[in-house]
C-alpha atoms as a PDB file:
ATOM      1  CA  MET A   1     -33.584 -10.771  11.731  1.00  0.00           C
ATOM      2  CA  ILE A   2     -36.570 -10.056   9.472  1.00  0.00           C
ATOM      3  CA  ILE A   3     -39.958 -10.677  11.095  1.00  0.00           C
ATOM      4  CA  LEU A   4     -43.119 -10.506   8.999  1.00  0.00           C
ATOM      5  CA  GLY A   5     -46.529 -10.025  10.558  1.00  0.00           C
ATOM      6  CA  SER A   6     -48.048 -12.002   7.689  1.00  0.00           C
ATOM      7  CA  GLY A   7     -46.715 -14.259   4.963  1.00  0.00           C
ATOM      8  CA  SER A   8     -48.571 -12.089   2.457  1.00  0.00           C
ATOM      9  CA  ASP A   9     -45.955  -9.376   3.007  1.00  0.00           C
ATOM     10  CA  TYR A  10     -43.169 -11.517   1.540  1.00  0.00           C
ATOM     11  CA  LYS A  11     -42.614  -9.197  -1.425  1.00  0.00           C
ATOM     12  CA  ILE A  12     -41.691  -6.374   0.967  1.00  0.00           C
ATOM     13  CA  ALA A  13     -39.343  -8.715   2.829  1.00  0.00           C
ATOM     14  CA  GLU A  14     -37.834  -9.748  -0.506  1.00  0.00           C
ATOM     15  CA  LYS A  15     -36.664  -6.158  -1.001  1.00  0.00           C
ATOM     16  CA  SER A  16     -34.779  -6.371   2.303  1.00  0.00           C
ATOM     17  CA  VAL A  17     -33.336  -9.766   1.438  1.00  0.00           C
ATOM     18  CA  LYS A  18     -31.920  -8.542  -1.890  1.00  0.00           C
ATOM     19  CA  VAL A  19     -29.982  -5.775  -0.141  1.00  0.00           C
ATOM     20  CA  LEU A  20     -28.707  -8.033   2.641  1.00  0.00           C
ATOM     21  CA  GLU A  21     -27.576 -10.598   0.063  1.00  0.00           C
ATOM     22  CA  GLU A  22     -25.798  -7.889  -1.939  1.00  0.00           C
ATOM     23  CA  MET A  23     -24.037  -6.612   1.181  1.00  0.00           C
ATOM     24  CA  LYS A  24     -23.267 -10.160   2.431  1.00  0.00           C
ATOM     25  CA  VAL A  25     -25.114  -9.703   5.740  1.00  0.00           C
ATOM     26  CA  PRO A  26     -26.324 -12.926   7.438  1.00  0.00           C
ATOM     27  CA  TYR A  27     -30.038 -12.831   8.262  1.00  0.00           C
ATOM     28  CA  ASP A  28     -32.941 -14.967   9.453  1.00  0.00           C
ATOM     29  CA  ILE A  29     -36.623 -14.761   8.502  1.00  0.00           C
ATOM     30  CA  LYS A  30     -39.571 -15.359  10.837  1.00  0.00           C
ATOM     31  CA  VAL A  31     -43.349 -14.968  10.437  1.00  0.00           C
ATOM     32  CA  ALA A  32     -45.328 -14.079  13.556  1.00  0.00           C
ATOM     33  CA  SER A  33     -48.346 -11.878  14.207  1.00  0.00           C
ATOM     34  CA  ALA A  34     -48.344  -9.510  17.174  1.00  0.00           C
ATOM     35  CA  HIS A  35     -52.103  -9.965  17.519  1.00  0.00           C
ATOM     36  CA  ARG A  36     -52.874 -13.528  16.427  1.00  0.00           C
ATOM     37  CA  THR A  37     -49.704 -15.251  17.709  1.00  0.00           C
ATOM     38  CA  HIS A  38     -48.319 -12.996  20.420  1.00  0.00           C
ATOM     39  CA  GLY A  39     -46.782 -16.008  22.182  1.00  0.00           C
ATOM     40  CA  ARG A  40     -44.833 -16.856  19.023  1.00  0.00           C
ATOM     41  CA  VAL A  41     -43.391 -13.322  18.876  1.00  0.00           C
ATOM     42  CA  LYS A  42     -42.432 -13.566  22.546  1.00  0.00           C
ATOM     43  CA  ASP A  43     -40.777 -16.969  21.986  1.00  0.00           C
ATOM     44  CA  ILE A  44     -38.773 -15.656  19.014  1.00  0.00           C
ATOM     45  CA  MET A  45     -37.588 -12.609  20.900  1.00  0.00           C
ATOM     46  CA  THR A  46     -36.735 -14.644  24.005  1.00  0.00           C
ATOM     47  CA  ASN A  47     -34.999 -17.665  22.503  1.00  0.00           C
ATOM     48  CA  TYR A  48     -33.734 -16.892  18.983  1.00  0.00           C
ATOM     49  CA  THR A  49     -32.023 -13.517  19.178  1.00  0.00           C
ATOM     50  CA  ASP A  50     -28.703 -13.888  21.016  1.00  0.00           C
ATOM     51  CA  ASN A  51     -26.643 -13.171  17.881  1.00  0.00           C
ATOM     52  CA  VAL A  52     -29.048 -10.719  16.268  1.00  0.00           C
ATOM     53  CA  GLU A  53     -27.917  -7.088  16.077  1.00  0.00           C
ATOM     54  CA  VAL A  54     -30.866  -5.461  14.269  1.00  0.00           C
ATOM     55  CA  PHE A  55     -34.526  -6.370  13.764  1.00  0.00           C
ATOM     56  CA  ILE A  56     -36.615  -5.526  10.711  1.00  0.00           C
ATOM     57  CA  ALA A  57     -40.354  -5.729  11.413  1.00  0.00           C
ATOM     58  CA  ILE A  58     -42.721  -5.742   8.427  1.00  0.00           C
ATOM     59  CA  ALA A  59     -46.419  -5.213   9.074  1.00  0.00           C
ATOM     60  CA  GLY A  60     -49.534  -3.499   7.754  1.00  0.00           C
ATOM     61  CA  LEU A  61     -52.892  -2.222   9.029  1.00  0.00           C
ATOM     62  CA  ALA A  62     -52.632  -1.686  12.808  1.00  0.00           C
ATOM     63  CA  ALA A  63     -48.908  -2.407  12.582  1.00  0.00           C
ATOM     64  CA  HIS A  64     -48.143  -3.153  16.223  1.00  0.00           C
ATOM     65  CA  LEU A  65     -45.488  -5.788  15.464  1.00  0.00           C
ATOM     66  CA  PRO A  66     -42.497  -3.376  15.510  1.00  0.00           C
ATOM     67  CA  GLY A  67     -43.557  -1.977  18.889  1.00  0.00           C
ATOM     68  CA  VAL A  68     -44.092  -5.435  20.384  1.00  0.00           C
ATOM     69  CA  ILE A  69     -40.645  -6.492  19.173  1.00  0.00           C
ATOM     70  CA  ALA A  70     -39.120  -3.319  20.632  1.00  0.00           C
ATOM     71  CA  SER A  71     -40.750  -4.093  23.986  1.00  0.00           C
ATOM     72  CA  TYR A  72     -38.791  -7.367  24.233  1.00  0.00           C
ATOM     73  CA  THR A  73     -35.314  -6.018  23.377  1.00  0.00           C
ATOM     74  CA  THR A  74     -32.932  -3.106  23.800  1.00  0.00           C
ATOM     75  CA  LYS A  75     -31.540  -3.625  20.289  1.00  0.00           C
ATOM     76  CA  PRO A  76     -32.597  -1.399  17.357  1.00  0.00           C
ATOM     77  CA  VAL A  77     -35.884  -2.230  15.627  1.00  0.00           C
ATOM     78  CA  ILE A  78     -36.651  -0.984  12.106  1.00  0.00           C
ATOM     79  CA  ALA A  79     -40.273  -0.873  10.979  1.00  0.00           C
ATOM     80  CA  VAL A  80     -41.553  -1.226   7.430  1.00  0.00           C
ATOM     81  CA  PRO A  81     -45.235  -0.246   7.251  1.00  0.00           C
ATOM     82  CA  CYS A  82     -47.118  -1.925   4.408  1.00  0.00           C
ATOM     83  CA  THR A  83     -49.778  -0.613   2.062  1.00  0.00           C
ATOM     84  CA  GLY A  84     -53.275  -1.287   3.410  1.00  0.00           C
ATOM     85  CA  LYS A  85     -56.825   0.002   3.296  1.00  0.00           C
ATOM     86  CA  ILE A  86     -55.816   3.670   3.530  1.00  0.00           C
ATOM     87  CA  GLY A  87     -52.590   3.494   1.569  1.00  0.00           C
ATOM     88  CA  GLY A  88     -50.481   2.352   4.490  1.00  0.00           C
ATOM     89  CA  LEU A  89     -50.949   5.534   6.529  1.00  0.00           C
ATOM     90  CA  ASP A  90     -52.471   3.491   9.348  1.00  0.00           C
ATOM     91  CA  ALA A  91     -49.393   1.259   9.508  1.00  0.00           C
ATOM     92  CA  LEU A  92     -47.051   4.240   9.189  1.00  0.00           C
ATOM     93  CA  LEU A  93     -48.573   6.060  12.156  1.00  0.00           C
ATOM     94  CA  SER A  94     -48.758   2.831  14.181  1.00  0.00           C
ATOM     95  CA  SER A  95     -45.015   2.378  13.677  1.00  0.00           C
ATOM     96  CA  THR A  96     -43.798   5.922  14.286  1.00  0.00           C
ATOM     97  CA  GLU A  97     -45.984   7.102  17.153  1.00  0.00           C
ATOM     98  CA  MET A  98     -44.474   4.893  19.839  1.00  0.00           C
ATOM     99  CA  GLN A  99     -44.544   5.367  23.599  1.00  0.00           C
ATOM    100  CA  LEU A 100     -41.516   6.847  25.322  1.00  0.00           C
ATOM    101  CA  GLY A 101     -39.056   4.024  25.943  1.00  0.00           C
ATOM    102  CA  THR A 102     -39.826   1.838  22.938  1.00  0.00           C
ATOM    103  CA  PRO A 103     -38.432   3.725  19.918  1.00  0.00           C
ATOM    104  CA  VAL A 104     -38.869   2.287  16.441  1.00  0.00           C
ATOM    105  CA  ALA A 105     -37.053   3.600  13.354  1.00  0.00           C
ATOM    106  CA  THR A 106     -39.725   3.736  10.654  1.00  0.00           C
ATOM    107  CA  MET A 107     -39.112   3.545   6.917  1.00  0.00           C
ATOM    108  CA  GLY A 108     -41.399   4.715   4.144  1.00  0.00           C
ATOM    109  CA  ILE A 109     -44.402   2.611   3.204  1.00  0.00           C
ATOM    110  CA  ASP A 110     -43.317  -0.696   1.564  1.00  0.00           C
ATOM    111  CA  ARG A 111     -39.642   0.407   1.673  1.00  0.00           C
ATOM    112  CA  GLY A 112     -38.160  -2.948   2.656  1.00  0.00           C
ATOM    113  CA  GLU A 113     -34.915  -2.126   0.887  1.00  0.00           C
ATOM    114  CA  ASN A 114     -34.381   0.994   2.995  1.00  0.00           C
ATOM    115  CA  ALA A 115     -34.847  -1.040   6.168  1.00  0.00           C
ATOM    116  CA  ALA A 116     -31.981  -3.254   5.033  1.00  0.00           C
ATOM    117  CA  TRP A 117     -29.825  -0.248   4.108  1.00  0.00           C
ATOM    118  CA  LEU A 118     -30.376   1.225   7.563  1.00  0.00           C
ATOM    119  CA  ALA A 119     -29.503  -2.144   9.112  1.00  0.00           C
ATOM    120  CA  CYS A 120     -26.236  -2.070   7.143  1.00  0.00           C
ATOM    121  CA  GLN A 121     -25.526   1.469   8.370  1.00  0.00           C
ATOM    122  CA  ILE A 122     -26.085   0.344  11.969  1.00  0.00           C
ATOM    123  CA  ILE A 123     -23.772  -2.642  11.503  1.00  0.00           C
ATOM    124  CA  ALA A 124     -21.177  -0.320   9.926  1.00  0.00           C
ATOM    125  CA  CYS A 125     -20.934   1.637  13.203  1.00  0.00           C
ATOM    126  CA  ASN A 126     -18.560  -1.115  14.341  1.00  0.00           C
ATOM    127  CA  ASP A 127     -17.527  -2.733  11.052  1.00  0.00           C
ATOM    128  CA  ASP A 128     -14.994  -0.973   8.819  1.00  0.00           C
ATOM    129  CA  ASN A 129     -15.584  -3.372   5.914  1.00  0.00           C
ATOM    130  CA  MET A 130     -19.294  -2.601   5.893  1.00  0.00           C
ATOM    131  CA  LYS A 131     -18.500   1.095   6.193  1.00  0.00           C
ATOM    132  CA  GLU A 132     -16.342   0.926   3.073  1.00  0.00           C
ATOM    133  CA  ALA A 133     -18.937  -1.147   1.197  1.00  0.00           C
ATOM    134  CA  LEU A 134     -21.606   1.459   1.913  1.00  0.00           C
ATOM    135  CA  LYS A 135     -19.381   4.250   0.622  1.00  0.00           C
ATOM    136  CA  ASN A 136     -18.696   2.311  -2.572  1.00  0.00           C
ATOM    137  CA  LYS A 137     -22.397   1.679  -3.049  1.00  0.00           C
ATOM    138  CA  ARG A 138     -23.217   5.364  -2.617  1.00  0.00           C
ATOM    139  CA  GLU A 139     -20.536   6.319  -5.174  1.00  0.00           C
ATOM    140  CA  SER A 140     -22.019   3.860  -7.682  1.00  0.00           C
ATOM    141  CA  TYR A 141     -25.220   5.904  -7.768  1.00  0.00           C
ATOM    142  CA  ASN A 142     -23.394   8.595  -9.776  1.00  0.00           C
ATOM    143  CA  GLN A 143     -22.753   6.169 -12.619  1.00  0.00           C
ATOM    144  CA  LYS A 144     -26.358   5.002 -12.484  1.00  0.00           C
ATOM    145  CA  MET A 145     -27.609   8.595 -12.766  1.00  0.00           C
ATOM    146  CA  GLU A 146     -25.341   9.210 -15.751  1.00  0.00           C
ATOM    147  CA  ASN A 147     -26.658   6.092 -17.486  1.00  0.00           C
ATOM    148  CA  ASP A 148     -30.253   7.056 -16.699  1.00  0.00           C
ATOM    149  CA  GLU A 149     -29.661  10.542 -18.090  1.00  0.00           C
ATOM    150  CA  LYS A 150     -28.420   9.125 -21.385  1.00  0.00           C
ATOM    151  CA  ASP A 151     -31.426   6.804 -21.600  1.00  0.00           C
ATOM    152  CA  VAL A 152     -33.868   9.640 -20.922  1.00  0.00           C
ATOM    153  CA  ILE A 153     -32.259  11.885 -23.555  1.00  0.00           C
ATOM    154  CA  GLU A 154     -32.451   9.106 -26.145  1.00  0.00           C
ATOM    155  CA  LYS A 155     -36.130   8.507 -25.329  1.00  0.00           C
ATOM    156  CA  ILE A 156     -37.526  12.049 -25.189  1.00  0.00           C
ATOM    157  CA  ALA A 157     -35.051  14.662 -26.528  1.00  0.00           C
ATOM    158  CA  GLY A 158     -36.392  16.521 -29.563  1.00  0.00           C
ATOM    159  CA  GLU A 159     -35.271  19.012 -32.160  1.00  0.00           C
ATOM    160  CA  TYR A 160     -34.524  21.800 -29.700  1.00  0.00           C
ATOM    161  CA  TYR A 161     -32.638  19.743 -27.148  1.00  0.00           C
ATOM    162  CA  THR A 162     -29.466  21.723 -26.350  1.00  0.00           C
ATOM    163  CA  LYS A 163     -26.749  20.315 -24.114  1.00  0.00           C
ATOM    164  CA  SER A 164     -25.696  22.780 -21.394  1.00  0.00           C
ATOM    165  CA  GLU A 165     -22.122  24.029 -21.504  1.00  0.00           C
ATOM    166  CA  ARG A 166     -20.149  23.371 -18.342  1.00  0.00           C
ATOM    167  CA  VAL A 167     -18.656  26.585 -16.896  1.00  0.00           C
ATOM    168  CA  GLU A 168     -16.690  26.247 -13.662  1.00  0.00           C
ATOM    169  CA  HIS A 169     -17.812  28.449 -10.754  1.00  0.00           C
ATOM    170  CA  GLU A 170     -16.692  28.484  -7.144  1.00  0.00           C
ATOM    171  CA  ARG A 171     -19.252  28.030  -4.418  1.00  0.00           C
ATOM    172  CA  PRO A 172     -19.214  30.560  -1.520  1.00  0.00           C
ATOM    173  CA  ALA A 173     -16.466  29.623   0.909  1.00  0.00           C
ATOM    174  CA  VAL A 174     -17.434  28.444   4.403  1.00  0.00           C
ATOM    175  CA  LYS A 175     -14.464  29.349   6.562  1.00  0.00           C
ATOM    176  CA  LYS A 176     -15.676  28.134   9.946  1.00  0.00           C
ATOM    177  CA  GLU A 177     -14.542  24.610  10.812  1.00  0.00           C
ATOM    178  CA  LEU A 178     -16.579  22.135  12.813  1.00  0.00           C
ATOM    179  CA  VAL A 179     -14.499  20.878  15.712  1.00  0.00           C
ATOM    180  CA  LEU A 180     -16.406  18.751  18.228  1.00  0.00           C
ATOM    181  CA  PRO A 181     -15.396  17.685  21.757  1.00  0.00           C
ATOM    182  CA  GLU A 182     -13.462  14.419  21.732  1.00  0.00           C
ATOM    183  CA  ASN A 183     -16.189  12.366  23.417  1.00  0.00           C
ATOM    184  CA  THR A 184     -18.899  13.348  20.897  1.00  0.00           C
ATOM    185  CA  LYS A 185     -20.680  10.324  19.432  1.00  0.00           C
ATOM    186  CA  VAL A 186     -23.793  12.074  18.122  1.00  0.00           C
ATOM    187  CA  LEU A 187     -24.210  15.311  16.187  1.00  0.00           C
ATOM    188  CA  ILE A 188     -27.701  16.816  16.398  1.00  0.00           C
ATOM    189  CA  ILE A 189     -28.623  19.295  13.688  1.00  0.00           C
ATOM    190  CA  SER A 190     -31.776  21.396  13.854  1.00  0.00           C
ATOM    191  CA  GLY A 191     -33.098  23.343  10.902  1.00  0.00           C
ATOM    192  CA  ASN A 192     -34.003  26.361  13.052  1.00  0.00           C
ATOM    193  CA  TYR A 193     -34.131  27.638  16.625  1.00  0.00           C
ATOM    194  CA  SER A 194     -37.864  27.024  17.013  1.00  0.00           C
ATOM    195  CA  ASN A 195     -37.134  23.310  17.504  1.00  0.00           C
ATOM    196  CA  MET A 196     -34.676  23.810  20.371  1.00  0.00           C
ATOM    197  CA  GLU A 197     -37.068  22.404  22.974  1.00  0.00           C
ATOM    198  CA  ILE A 198     -36.910  19.055  21.156  1.00  0.00           C
ATOM    199  CA  VAL A 199     -33.127  19.325  20.835  1.00  0.00           C
ATOM    200  CA  HIS A 200     -32.793  19.886  24.591  1.00  0.00           C
ATOM    201  CA  LYS A 201     -34.864  16.756  25.292  1.00  0.00           C
ATOM    202  CA  ILE A 202     -32.436  14.809  23.128  1.00  0.00           C
ATOM    203  CA  THR A 203     -29.277  16.207  24.714  1.00  0.00           C
ATOM    204  CA  GLN A 204     -30.593  15.738  28.245  1.00  0.00           C
ATOM    205  CA  THR A 205     -31.523  12.113  27.598  1.00  0.00           C
ATOM    206  CA  LEU A 206     -28.179  11.389  25.926  1.00  0.00           C
ATOM    207  CA  GLU A 207     -26.358  12.978  28.864  1.00  0.00           C
ATOM    208  CA  THR A 208     -28.295  10.774  31.297  1.00  0.00           C
ATOM    209  CA  LEU A 209     -27.237   7.742  29.261  1.00  0.00           C
ATOM    210  CA  GLY A 210     -23.586   8.846  29.238  1.00  0.00           C
ATOM    211  CA  ILE A 211     -23.481   9.470  25.482  1.00  0.00           C
ATOM    212  CA  GLY A 212     -21.551  12.533  24.341  1.00  0.00           C
ATOM    213  CA  SER A 213     -23.392  14.801  21.914  1.00  0.00           C
ATOM    214  CA  ASN A 214     -23.258  18.227  20.350  1.00  0.00           C
ATOM    215  CA  TYR A 215     -25.786  20.258  18.406  1.00  0.00           C
ATOM    216  CA  LYS A 216     -25.786  22.856  15.676  1.00  0.00           C
ATOM    217  CA  VAL A 217     -28.489  24.923  13.980  1.00  0.00           C
ATOM    218  CA  VAL A 218     -27.988  24.796  10.203  1.00  0.00           C
ATOM    219  CA  SER A 219     -30.546  25.353   7.473  1.00  0.00           C
ATOM    220  CA  ALA A 220     -30.370  23.010   4.498  1.00  0.00           C
ATOM    221  CA  THR A 221     -32.086  25.546   2.246  1.00  0.00           C
ATOM    222  CA  ARG A 222     -30.568  28.842   3.442  1.00  0.00           C
ATOM    223  CA  THR A 223     -26.996  27.622   4.000  1.00  0.00           C
ATOM    224  CA  PRO A 224     -26.545  24.355   2.040  1.00  0.00           C
ATOM    225  CA  ASP A 225     -22.776  24.824   1.664  1.00  0.00           C
ATOM    226  CA  LYS A 226     -22.372  25.167   5.416  1.00  0.00           C
ATOM    227  CA  LEU A 227     -24.357  21.989   6.008  1.00  0.00           C
ATOM    228  CA  GLU A 228     -22.294  20.037   3.478  1.00  0.00           C
ATOM    229  CA  LYS A 229     -19.014  21.241   5.006  1.00  0.00           C
ATOM    230  CA  TYR A 230     -20.171  20.429   8.541  1.00  0.00           C
ATOM    231  CA  MET A 231     -21.300  16.942   7.513  1.00  0.00           C
ATOM    232  CA  LYS A 232     -17.965  16.184   5.853  1.00  0.00           C
ATOM    233  CA  GLU A 233     -16.038  17.358   8.907  1.00  0.00           C
ATOM    234  CA  ALA A 234     -18.378  15.636  11.365  1.00  0.00           C
ATOM    235  CA  ASP A 235     -18.173  12.264   9.612  1.00  0.00           C
ATOM    236  CA  ALA A 236     -14.674  11.706  10.970  1.00  0.00           C
ATOM    237  CA  GLN A 237     -15.745  12.704  14.497  1.00  0.00           C
ATOM    238  CA  VAL A 238     -19.132  11.094  15.220  1.00  0.00           C
ATOM    239  CA  ASP A 239     -20.865   7.703  14.962  1.00  0.00           C
ATOM    240  CA  LEU A 240     -24.281   8.938  13.852  1.00  0.00           C
ATOM    241  CA  TYR A 241     -26.621  11.908  13.477  1.00  0.00           C
ATOM    242  CA  ILE A 242     -29.997  13.181  14.611  1.00  0.00           C
ATOM    243  CA  ALA A 243     -31.964  15.557  12.377  1.00  0.00           C
ATOM    244  CA  VAL A 244     -34.641  17.735  14.000  1.00  0.00           C
ATOM    245  CA  SER A 245     -36.851  19.401  11.436  1.00  0.00           C
ATOM    246  CA  SER A 246     -40.316  20.751  10.717  1.00  0.00           C
ATOM    247  CA  LEU A 247     -42.384  21.659   7.644  1.00  0.00           C
ATOM    248  CA  SER A 248     -40.801  20.099   4.535  1.00  0.00           C
ATOM    249  CA  THR A 249     -37.907  18.285   6.160  1.00  0.00           C
ATOM    250  CA  VAL A 250     -35.279  19.004   3.533  1.00  0.00           C
ATOM    251  CA  LEU A 251     -32.694  18.962   6.337  1.00  0.00           C
ATOM    252  CA  SER A 252     -32.964  15.257   7.095  1.00  0.00           C
ATOM    253  CA  GLY A 253     -32.795  14.329   3.414  1.00  0.00           C
ATOM    254  CA  ALA A 254     -29.795  16.580   2.867  1.00  0.00           C
ATOM    255  CA  MET A 255     -27.994  15.052   5.844  1.00  0.00           C
ATOM    256  CA  VAL A 256     -28.644  11.537   4.549  1.00  0.00           C
ATOM    257  CA  SER A 257     -27.252  12.530   1.151  1.00  0.00           C
ATOM    258  CA  HIS A 258     -23.954  13.613   2.739  1.00  0.00           C
ATOM    259  CA  THR A 259     -23.226  10.504   4.830  1.00  0.00           C
ATOM    260  CA  THR A 260     -23.505   6.729   4.932  1.00  0.00           C
ATOM    261  CA  LYS A 261     -23.874   6.764   8.719  1.00  0.00           C
ATOM    262  CA  PRO A 262     -27.298   6.401  10.382  1.00  0.00           C
ATOM    263  CA  VAL A 263     -29.436   9.545  10.456  1.00  0.00           C
ATOM    264  CA  ILE A 264     -32.255   9.477  12.998  1.00  0.00           C
ATOM    265  CA  GLY A 265     -35.029  11.900  12.139  1.00  0.00           C
ATOM    266  CA  VAL A 266     -37.351  13.727  14.527  1.00  0.00           C
ATOM    267  CA  PRO A 267     -40.218  15.441  12.674  1.00  0.00           C
ATOM    268  CA  CYS A 268     -41.757  18.353  14.579  1.00  0.00           C
ATOM    269  CA  THR A 269     -45.356  19.440  14.879  1.00  0.00           C
ATOM    270  CA  THR A 270     -46.549  22.387  12.803  1.00  0.00           C
ATOM    271  CA  LYS A 271     -49.841  24.036  11.852  1.00  0.00           C
ATOM    272  CA  ARG A 272     -50.656  20.872   9.905  1.00  0.00           C
ATOM    273  CA  LEU A 273     -50.110  18.704  12.978  1.00  0.00           C
ATOM    274  CA  GLY A 274     -46.674  17.697  11.702  1.00  0.00           C
ATOM    275  CA  ILE A 275     -48.002  15.365   9.008  1.00  0.00           C
ATOM    276  CA  ASP A 276     -46.040  17.367   6.415  1.00  0.00           C
ATOM    277  CA  SER A 277     -42.866  16.933   8.477  1.00  0.00           C
ATOM    278  CA  LEU A 278     -43.447  13.232   9.071  1.00  0.00           C
ATOM    279  CA  LEU A 279     -44.234  12.280   5.488  1.00  0.00           C
ATOM    280  CA  SER A 280     -41.430  14.319   3.912  1.00  0.00           C
ATOM    281  CA  MET A 281     -38.949  12.749   6.349  1.00  0.00           C
ATOM    282  CA  VAL A 282     -40.007   9.104   6.232  1.00  0.00           C
ATOM    283  CA  GLU A 283     -40.771   8.685   2.514  1.00  0.00           C
ATOM    284  CA  MET A 284     -37.175   8.582   1.298  1.00  0.00           C
ATOM    285  CA  PRO A 285     -36.108   7.007  -2.016  1.00  0.00           C
ATOM    286  CA  PRO A 286     -34.362   3.609  -2.103  1.00  0.00           C
ATOM    287  CA  GLY A 287     -30.822   3.584  -0.754  1.00  0.00           C
ATOM    288  CA  VAL A 288     -31.049   6.678   1.459  1.00  0.00           C
ATOM    289  CA  PRO A 289     -33.107   5.896   4.582  1.00  0.00           C
ATOM    290  CA  THR A 290     -33.979   8.212   7.444  1.00  0.00           C
ATOM    291  CA  ALA A 291     -34.636   6.395  10.728  1.00  0.00           C
ATOM    292  CA  THR A 292     -37.823   8.318  11.481  1.00  0.00           C
ATOM    293  CA  MET A 293     -39.220   8.667  14.997  1.00  0.00           C
ATOM    294  CA  GLY A 294     -42.642   9.927  16.038  1.00  0.00           C
ATOM    295  CA  LEU A 295     -43.602  13.592  16.066  1.00  0.00           C
ATOM    296  CA  ASP A 296     -41.557  15.606  18.593  1.00  0.00           C
ATOM    297  CA  ALA A 297     -40.146  12.319  19.967  1.00  0.00           C
ATOM    298  CA  GLY A 298     -36.746  13.669  20.998  1.00  0.00           C
ATOM    299  CA  GLU A 299     -36.303  11.303  23.935  1.00  0.00           C
ATOM    300  CA  ASN A 300     -37.071   8.279  21.788  1.00  0.00           C
ATOM    301  CA  ALA A 301     -34.481   9.452  19.239  1.00  0.00           C
ATOM    302  CA  ALA A 302     -31.886   9.532  22.031  1.00  0.00           C
ATOM    303  CA  LEU A 303     -32.961   6.080  23.226  1.00  0.00           C
ATOM    304  CA  TYR A 304     -32.660   4.735  19.690  1.00  0.00           C
ATOM    305  CA  VAL A 305     -29.109   6.085  19.568  1.00  0.00           C
ATOM    306  CA  ALA A 306     -28.444   4.156  22.771  1.00  0.00           C
ATOM    307  CA  ARG A 307     -29.941   0.993  21.261  1.00  0.00           C
ATOM    308  CA  ILE A 308     -27.549   1.245  18.317  1.00  0.00           C
ATOM    309  CA  LEU A 309     -24.444   2.002  20.351  1.00  0.00           C
ATOM    310  CA  SER A 310     -25.284  -0.571  23.043  1.00  0.00           C
ATOM    311  CA  ILE A 311     -24.792  -3.359  20.493  1.00  0.00           C
ATOM    312  CA  TYR A 312     -21.046  -2.746  20.788  1.00  0.00           C
ATOM    313  CA  ASP A 313     -20.666  -0.807  24.048  1.00  0.00           C
ATOM    314  CA  GLU A 314     -21.422  -2.635  27.295  1.00  0.00           C
ATOM    315  CA  ASP A 315     -21.365   0.560  29.382  1.00  0.00           C
ATOM    316  CA  ILE A 316     -24.029   2.189  27.219  1.00  0.00           C
ATOM    317  CA  ARG A 317     -26.080  -1.005  27.307  1.00  0.00           C
ATOM    318  CA  ASN A 318     -26.001  -1.012  31.115  1.00  0.00           C
ATOM    319  CA  SER A 319     -26.936   2.679  31.181  1.00  0.00           C
ATOM    320  CA  LEU A 320     -29.849   2.009  28.825  1.00  0.00           C
ATOM    321  CA  ILE A 321     -31.163  -0.858  30.938  1.00  0.00           C
ATOM    322  CA  LYS A 322     -30.874   1.245  34.086  1.00  0.00           C
ATOM    323  CA  TYR A 323     -32.656   4.163  32.395  1.00  0.00           C
ATOM    324  CA  MET A 324     -35.492   1.899  31.247  1.00  0.00           C
ATOM    325  CA  LYS A 325     -36.022   0.573  34.777  1.00  0.00           C
ATOM    326  CA  THR A 326     -36.171   4.140  36.092  1.00  0.00           C
ATOM    327  CA  LEU A 327     -38.549   5.129  33.308  1.00  0.00           C
ATOM    328  CA  HIS A 328     -40.895   2.282  34.140  1.00  0.00           C
ATOM    329  CA  ARG A 329     -40.940   3.216  37.833  1.00  0.00           C
ATOM    330  CA  ASN A 330     -41.684   6.847  37.026  1.00  0.00           C
ATOM    331  CA  ILE A 331     -44.555   5.971  34.701  1.00  0.00           C
ATOM    332  CA  TYR A 332     -46.187   3.167  36.646  1.00  0.00           C
ATOM    333  CA  TYR A 333     -45.234   4.176  40.213  1.00  0.00           C
ATOM    334  CA  GLU A 334     -43.820   0.770  41.024  1.00  0.00           C
END
């Protein structure tokens, strides 16, 4: 279900619709403001969502709509912040920096198409046909790049344009194989050991929810061949991934490039407050989304995993509901 905070955001929603139509995914469209028509949002989420698997919330300015939607469901919510008075940064931060317990997967500003691609990846967790369609779509990008290259050469190549000669070289061999425990549903990859505190928050929360996970420390820039090999081997063993990264988050982008399964990103705080990590993780190009959480929000990343898996797994859904009740008691002393 696509929910717009304002009818003026229809062009962003149109990007989502085009992808869903291409991938043959049934969808509904609603318009409701979290601030001006809160009762309408509540009514939609209470009475119109029995068959909905994923929500796409499109909003700008103080974009509270995704969080309000997340408060009324345990299903995954994807936020699309829209360009506003300060370039959409207000909406971006409103969407990512959610309280513990109400995780929202945020896309780049105005990236309605990536919200739909992530929705397709979530659906593919339990749909082999969608899984195959996503792989075919990703492979088609190669042909598009080749066509674009030819067009660019025709437009700008001059007298000294010289086509590079292809000479075959072997990449350094990575001998170690990635073999995960049988019950592993989530692979967590951190770019370095300095982020291990966030990783431990994720693993502890997943363990509480009864979701098997494993983690590795792999650098996308220092050992790219190792990362590629691990991703290929992990794809047959896990349902989805979590990327934990700081500074320029090349890791999350590299992981997304190696899989069509959901990648949940956790940007980490740095000397620049983590804004560098957040922006380089969330602002992905069309077709390759990262489901970005708030800064250091490891627990919310784990809860978002549970929201995805609970669509198809009743045990995980019950564990998630139980966890949320416990969380509420701990926070509000009920």
